[in-house]
Amino acid sequence: MEFPCIYTFLGSGFLFLHSLLLSSVSPPNMPQGSLEVFLASAKGLEDTDFLFKMDPYVILTCRTQEQKSSVASGSEPVWNENFIFNVSEGAEELKLKIMDSDIGNDDFVGEAEICLKSVLREGRIPPTAYNIVKNKEFCGEIKVGLTFNPEERSPRDYDDRDEYFRGWKESSHSDRDRTSRRDDSSRGRRHSPERERDYRGRDSDEDGRRGGRRRHSSDED
């Protein structure tokens, strides 16, 4: 039975799983760094207060990170505030939830979602108006600017990982080579014509010596 093929198949499988694990833990193409959010202003908000002006504020959420703006005034509030979020694997969107501050329970005004793919790729998006939606209906606009500052990684981080992976792969190849050499050696011992002739010659010499001893013994008798 040919075992080297099995070792080659298993080795390739382990290499694939190992590279998949490395990419999932520390994906080389996934940008990491900090996201700076400039919350500029909003307009066209639905005023939920009947007697007084609304007091809107914004809850900004990026994955598990949440920050809150100051409370502004009126249906066209201006904040001009900056917020910093850490960006890592899985950060795909920024959620903005606009609330109206009231005594007791705050009222929900609307929300907006901003996809982060463009800013992660381009690095900066100037203040842009995004639609605010409530119950799938348009209820205003909010202006937000985005800046992505990628994290500077040391080349050693990649070198260490590549060196480890390269060493693991070379070790796997060495194990397969040793296994292949042992199998070749075993086949050589079983099927080598030179070894078989050598064994036959030794057997013939041994039989000749035994026959000579038997004849010599008969002559003495």
Protein backbone atom coordinates (compact mmCIF):
# COMPACT_ATOMS: atom_id res chain seq x y z
CA MET A 1 0.00 0.00 0.00
CA GLU A 2 1.28 3.47 -0.93
CA PHE A 3 1.31 5.57 2.26
CA PRO A 4 3.20 8.65 0.93
CA CYS A 5 0.06 9.77 -0.96
CA ILE A 6 -1.87 9.70 2.28
CA TYR A 7 0.81 11.73 4.07
CA THR A 8 0.84 14.24 1.20
CA PHE A 9 -2.95 14.61 1.35
CA LEU A 10 -2.95 15.02 5.14
CA GLY A 11 -0.06 17.47 5.00
CA SER A 12 -1.84 19.63 2.44
CA GLY A 13 -4.96 19.58 4.58
CA PHE A 14 -3.05 20.71 7.66
CA LEU A 15 -1.37 23.50 5.67
CA PHE A 16 -4.76 24.74 4.48
CA LEU A 17 -6.28 24.67 7.97
CA HIS A 18 -3.21 26.37 9.43
CA SER A 19 -3.31 29.22 6.90
CA LEU A 20 -7.07 29.57 7.41
CA LEU A 21 -6.56 29.84 11.16
CA LEU A 22 -3.88 32.49 10.76
CA SER A 23 -6.03 34.52 8.41
CA SER A 24 -9.01 34.36 10.76
CA VAL A 25 -7.01 35.41 13.81
CA SER A 26 -5.01 38.14 12.14
CA PRO A 27 -6.20 38.81 8.60
CA PRO A 28 -3.49 40.65 6.68
CA ASN A 29 -5.98 42.50 4.40
CA MET A 30 -8.33 43.64 7.15
CA PRO A 31 -7.58 47.30 7.96
CA GLN A 32 -7.15 48.16 11.60
CA GLY A 33 -6.78 51.54 13.19
CA SER A 34 -8.92 54.41 14.42
CA LEU A 35 -12.04 55.94 12.91
CA GLU A 36 -12.58 59.66 13.50
CA VAL A 37 -16.21 60.72 13.21
CA PHE A 38 -17.07 64.39 12.76
CA LEU A 39 -20.70 64.93 13.72
CA ALA A 40 -21.60 68.20 12.01
CA SER A 41 -25.33 68.87 12.01
CA ALA A 42 -28.82 67.66 11.09
CA LYS A 43 -31.89 69.17 9.45
CA GLY A 44 -35.51 68.37 8.78
CA LEU A 45 -35.98 66.52 12.06
CA GLU A 46 -39.52 65.90 13.23
CA ASP A 47 -40.15 67.96 16.33
CA THR A 48 -41.80 65.73 18.89
CA ASP A 49 -42.32 68.52 21.43
CA PHE A 50 -45.60 70.46 21.15
CA LEU A 51 -44.88 73.34 23.50
CA PHE A 52 -41.08 73.67 23.32
CA LYS A 53 -38.25 73.09 20.88
CA MET A 54 -36.86 69.58 20.65
CA ASP A 55 -33.50 68.79 22.24
CA PRO A 56 -31.82 66.27 19.92
CA TYR A 57 -28.69 64.26 20.62
CA VAL A 58 -27.02 61.37 18.81
CA ILE A 59 -25.92 57.93 19.99
CA LEU A 60 -23.05 56.70 17.80
CA THR A 61 -22.35 52.95 17.71
CA CYS A 62 -19.53 51.03 16.01
CA ARG A 63 -19.80 47.34 16.85
CA THR A 64 -19.68 47.21 20.68
CA GLN A 65 -18.41 50.79 21.09
CA GLU A 66 -20.97 53.43 21.90
CA GLN A 67 -20.62 57.19 22.38
CA LYS A 68 -23.08 60.00 22.90
CA SER A 69 -23.11 63.57 21.62
CA SER A 70 -24.10 66.64 23.53
CA VAL A 71 -27.73 67.82 23.54
CA ALA A 72 -28.47 70.49 20.91
CA SER A 73 -31.62 72.53 20.31
CA GLY A 74 -34.25 72.68 17.58
CA SER A 75 -35.06 70.65 14.48
CA GLU A 76 -31.86 71.81 12.73
CA PRO A 77 -29.23 71.14 15.39
CA VAL A 78 -25.49 71.82 15.06
CA TRP A 79 -22.97 69.77 17.05
CA ASN A 80 -19.54 70.04 15.37
CA GLU A 81 -18.15 67.31 17.61
CA ASN A 82 -15.50 64.64 17.04
CA PHE A 83 -15.54 61.02 18.18
CA ILE A 84 -12.88 58.32 17.95
CA PHE A 85 -13.59 54.61 17.50
CA ASN A 86 -11.18 51.68 17.32
CA VAL A 87 -11.60 49.75 14.08
CA SER A 88 -10.82 46.05 13.95
CA GLU A 89 -12.14 42.91 12.29
CA GLY A 90 -15.89 42.98 11.72
CA ALA A 91 -16.35 46.77 11.78
CA GLU A 92 -18.59 47.30 8.76
CA GLU A 93 -20.93 50.16 9.64
CA LEU A 94 -21.50 53.14 11.89
CA LYS A 95 -24.96 53.54 13.38
CA LEU A 96 -26.40 56.91 14.34
CA LYS A 97 -29.48 56.99 16.55
CA ILE A 98 -31.09 60.41 16.95
CA MET A 99 -33.00 60.96 20.18
CA ASP A 100 -35.00 63.86 21.65
CA SER A 101 -34.09 64.55 25.27
CA ASP A 102 -37.17 64.88 27.47
CA ILE A 103 -38.02 64.75 31.14
CA GLY A 104 -38.61 61.11 31.85
CA ASN A 105 -38.29 59.02 28.68
CA ASP A 106 -36.41 60.30 25.66
CA ASP A 107 -38.21 60.13 22.31
CA PHE A 108 -36.82 58.24 19.31
CA VAL A 109 -36.47 60.58 16.32
CA GLY A 110 -34.84 58.34 13.71
CA GLU A 111 -31.61 56.58 12.74
CA ALA A 112 -29.00 56.39 10.00
CA GLU A 113 -26.47 53.74 9.03
CA ILE A 114 -23.17 54.51 7.30
CA CYS A 115 -21.21 51.75 5.53
CA LEU A 116 -17.50 51.98 6.37
CA LYS A 117 -16.07 50.20 3.31
CA SER A 118 -15.46 53.42 1.41
CA VAL A 119 -13.66 55.24 4.21
CA LEU A 120 -11.56 52.17 5.05
CA ARG A 121 -10.49 52.03 1.41
CA GLU A 122 -10.10 55.76 0.65
CA GLY A 123 -9.07 57.03 4.08
CA ARG A 124 -11.36 60.06 4.22
CA ILE A 125 -14.91 61.09 3.35
CA PRO A 126 -15.79 64.79 3.76
CA PRO A 127 -18.93 65.79 5.66
CA THR A 128 -21.81 64.18 3.78
CA ALA A 129 -25.57 64.19 4.35
CA TYR A 130 -27.11 60.79 5.17
CA ASN A 131 -30.81 60.02 5.30
CA ILE A 132 -32.50 59.61 8.66
CA VAL A 133 -35.18 56.92 8.65
CA LYS A 134 -37.98 56.09 11.05
CA ASN A 135 -40.31 53.18 10.35
CA LYS A 136 -38.81 53.00 6.84
CA GLU A 137 -39.81 56.61 6.15
CA PHE A 138 -37.53 59.57 5.49
CA CYS A 139 -37.49 62.01 8.39
CA GLY A 140 -34.47 64.26 7.92
CA GLU A 141 -30.75 64.34 7.17
CA ILE A 142 -27.63 64.18 9.28
CA LYS A 143 -24.23 65.42 8.10
CA VAL A 144 -21.18 63.38 9.11
CA GLY A 145 -17.51 63.35 8.08
CA LEU A 146 -15.27 60.27 8.40
CA THR A 147 -11.50 59.84 8.59
CA PHE A 148 -9.73 56.49 8.93
CA ASN A 149 -6.22 56.38 10.40
CA PRO A 150 -4.70 52.94 9.75
CA GLU A 151 -2.63 51.34 12.45
CA GLU A 152 1.06 51.21 11.63
CA ARG A 153 2.27 47.63 11.99
CA SER A 154 5.87 46.69 12.41
CA PRO A 155 7.31 44.59 9.55
CA ARG A 156 8.51 42.21 12.25
CA ASP A 157 4.89 41.24 12.95
CA TYR A 158 4.58 39.85 9.44
CA ASP A 159 8.14 38.45 9.38
CA ASP A 160 7.57 36.46 12.58
CA ARG A 161 4.34 35.00 11.30
CA ASP A 162 5.84 34.19 7.87
CA GLU A 163 8.93 32.65 9.48
CA TYR A 164 6.79 30.46 11.72
CA PHE A 165 4.57 29.36 8.84
CA ARG A 166 7.57 28.71 6.59
CA GLY A 167 9.28 26.63 9.28
CA TRP A 168 6.10 24.63 9.87
CA LYS A 169 5.77 23.95 6.15
CA GLU A 170 9.42 22.92 5.77
CA SER A 171 9.07 20.58 8.74
CA SER A 172 6.03 18.99 7.13
CA HIS A 173 7.91 18.48 3.85
CA SER A 174 10.87 16.98 5.73
CA ASP A 175 8.61 14.49 7.49
CA ARG A 176 7.11 13.40 4.18
CA ASP A 177 10.57 13.10 2.60
CA ARG A 178 11.80 10.90 5.44
CA THR A 179 8.70 8.72 5.14
CA SER A 180 9.18 8.44 1.38
CA ARG A 181 12.85 7.45 1.79
CA ARG A 182 11.93 4.77 4.33
CA ASP A 183 9.32 3.35 1.98
CA ASP A 184 11.76 3.37 -0.95
CA SER A 185 14.36 1.62 1.19
CA SER A 186 11.85 -1.02 2.22
CA ARG A 187 10.86 -1.66 -1.39
CA GLY A 188 14.52 -1.84 -2.32
CA ARG A 189 15.14 -4.52 0.32
CA ARG A 190 12.18 -6.55 -0.86
CA HIS A 191 12.73 -6.33 -4.64
CA SER A 192 16.46 -5.66 -5.27
CA PRO A 193 17.80 -8.33 -7.74
CA GLU A 194 21.35 -7.76 -6.48
CA ARG A 195 20.33 -8.60 -2.92
CA GLU A 196 18.41 -11.70 -4.08
CA ARG A 197 21.45 -12.98 -6.06
CA ASP A 198 23.65 -12.27 -3.08
CA TYR A 199 21.34 -14.30 -0.84
CA ARG A 200 21.24 -17.19 -3.38
CA GLY A 201 25.03 -17.20 -3.59
CA ARG A 202 25.37 -17.37 0.18
CA ASP A 203 22.87 -20.23 0.34
CA SER A 204 24.74 -22.15 -2.39
CA ASP A 205 28.08 -21.75 -0.62
CA GLU A 206 26.55 -22.86 2.64
CA ASP A 207 25.01 -25.96 0.99
CA GLY A 208 28.36 -26.79 -0.64
CA ARG A 209 30.18 -26.62 2.68
CA ARG A 210 27.56 -28.81 4.32
CA GLY A 211 27.80 -31.38 1.47
CA GLY A 212 31.60 -31.44 1.78
CA ARG A 213 31.40 -32.08 5.51
CA ARG A 214 28.99 -34.98 4.94
CA ARG A 215 31.26 -36.62 2.30
CA HIS A 216 34.33 -36.22 4.47
CA SER A 217 32.59 -37.91 7.35
CA SER A 218 31.55 -40.88 5.10
CA ASP A 219 35.15 -41.40 3.97
CA GLU A 220 36.37 -41.65 7.51
CA ASP A 221 33.82 -44.33 8.26
